[in-house]
Amino acid sequence: MADVPFDTDDEAAESRARQIATADPEVGGIAVDRLRSIIERIERLEEERKALANDIKDIYAEAKSAGFDVKVVRAIISIRKKEPAEVEEQETLLDLYRRALGM
């Protein structure tokens, strides 16, 4: 992307500024300001989500470099999100299936 002669974020900001300057308060029964507000909030949250995903990726890389098995770390995180009864039920079924297969 280094060969791109312009910054797309700047262009997007300029485009939004032009749209705001020329916008009607209501178009086709749609409250333009309300719609713009909703869209901008979603855009901000999408940016935050992307930043958080990058942070999580960095933490997994840190765990791997510290010698932890990332697959197991992910499994533990998944288990911790579940209710204890659900975890127990899954472990019971896993044990049952293993015994059925002679494992």
Protein backbone atom coordinates (compact mmCIF):
# COMPACT_ATOMS: atom_id res chain seq x y z
CA MET A 1 0.00 0.00 0.00
CA ALA A 2 3.03 2.29 0.14
CA ASP A 3 2.67 3.02 -3.57
CA VAL A 4 -0.81 4.54 -3.12
CA PRO A 5 -0.44 8.31 -3.65
CA PHE A 6 -3.26 9.29 -1.29
CA ASP A 7 -4.51 8.54 2.18
CA THR A 8 -7.93 6.87 1.97
CA ASP A 9 -8.81 7.92 5.53
CA ASP A 10 -8.31 11.58 4.59
CA GLU A 11 -10.41 11.17 1.46
CA ALA A 12 -13.18 9.48 3.43
CA ALA A 13 -13.16 12.32 5.98
CA GLU A 14 -13.29 14.92 3.20
CA SER A 15 -16.17 13.08 1.53
CA ARG A 16 -18.11 12.95 4.82
CA ALA A 17 -17.48 16.69 5.35
CA ARG A 18 -18.85 17.48 1.87
CA GLN A 19 -21.89 15.31 2.52
CA ILE A 20 -22.57 17.08 5.81
CA ALA A 21 -22.24 20.52 4.22
CA THR A 22 -24.70 19.71 1.41
CA ALA A 23 -27.14 17.46 3.28
CA ASP A 24 -30.84 18.15 3.60
CA PRO A 25 -32.23 17.69 7.12
CA GLU A 26 -34.72 15.15 5.77
CA VAL A 27 -34.73 13.19 2.53
CA GLY A 28 -37.55 10.86 1.56
CA GLY A 29 -38.88 10.89 5.11
CA ILE A 30 -35.49 9.85 6.52
CA ALA A 31 -33.96 11.93 9.31
CA VAL A 32 -30.51 12.46 7.78
CA ASP A 33 -28.79 13.57 10.99
CA ARG A 34 -30.10 10.54 12.87
CA LEU A 35 -29.02 8.17 10.10
CA ARG A 36 -25.57 9.79 9.90
CA SER A 37 -25.19 9.53 13.67
CA ILE A 38 -26.03 5.82 13.62
CA ILE A 39 -23.65 5.09 10.75
CA GLU A 40 -20.80 7.03 12.34
CA ARG A 41 -21.27 5.21 15.65
CA ILE A 42 -21.16 1.87 13.86
CA GLU A 43 -18.02 2.94 11.98
CA ARG A 44 -16.31 3.92 15.25
CA LEU A 45 -17.24 0.60 16.84
CA GLU A 46 -15.95 -1.29 13.79
CA GLU A 47 -12.63 0.54 14.16
CA GLU A 48 -12.52 -0.33 17.86
CA ARG A 49 -13.34 -3.97 17.12
CA LYS A 50 -10.50 -4.12 14.58
CA ALA A 51 -8.09 -2.64 17.15
CA LEU A 52 -9.26 -5.12 19.80
CA ALA A 53 -8.84 -8.04 17.38
CA ASN A 54 -5.27 -6.91 16.72
CA ASP A 55 -4.62 -6.66 20.47
CA ILE A 56 -5.96 -10.18 21.01
CA LYS A 57 -3.81 -11.48 18.16
CA ASP A 58 -0.77 -9.87 19.80
CA ILE A 59 -1.58 -11.52 23.14
CA TYR A 60 -1.86 -14.95 21.49
CA ALA A 61 1.53 -14.33 19.85
CA GLU A 62 2.91 -13.41 23.28
CA ALA A 63 1.48 -16.63 24.75
CA LYS A 64 3.06 -18.66 21.95
CA SER A 65 6.44 -17.00 22.41
CA ALA A 66 6.21 -17.76 26.15
CA GLY A 67 5.86 -21.44 25.28
CA PHE A 68 2.12 -21.88 25.75
CA ASP A 69 0.09 -23.98 23.32
CA VAL A 70 -2.25 -21.39 21.78
CA LYS A 71 -4.79 -24.04 20.77
CA VAL A 72 -5.11 -25.09 24.41
CA VAL A 73 -5.31 -21.46 25.56
CA ARG A 74 -8.19 -20.90 23.11
CA ALA A 75 -9.93 -24.05 24.39
CA ILE A 76 -9.63 -22.84 27.99
CA ILE A 77 -11.07 -19.45 27.06
CA SER A 78 -13.97 -21.19 25.32
CA ILE A 79 -14.62 -23.35 28.38
CA ARG A 80 -14.52 -20.37 30.74
CA LYS A 81 -17.27 -18.66 28.70
CA LYS A 82 -19.66 -21.57 29.30
CA GLU A 83 -21.83 -22.39 32.28
CA PRO A 84 -20.35 -25.05 34.60
CA ALA A 85 -23.26 -27.44 33.92
CA GLU A 86 -22.69 -27.17 30.17
CA VAL A 87 -18.97 -27.85 30.58
CA GLU A 88 -19.70 -30.88 32.77
CA GLU A 89 -22.21 -32.24 30.25
CA GLN A 90 -19.70 -31.87 27.39
CA GLU A 91 -16.94 -33.54 29.39
CA THR A 92 -19.27 -36.42 30.30
CA LEU A 93 -20.23 -36.92 26.66
CA LEU A 94 -16.61 -36.70 25.54
CA ASP A 95 -15.65 -39.34 28.10
CA LEU A 96 -18.58 -41.56 27.03
CA TYR A 97 -17.65 -41.28 23.34
CA ARG A 98 -13.99 -42.02 24.09
CA ARG A 99 -14.91 -45.15 26.04
CA ALA A 100 -17.26 -46.22 23.25
CA LEU A 101 -14.37 -45.97 20.80
CA GLY A 102 -11.94 -47.72 23.14
CA MET A 103 -9.79 -44.69 23.64
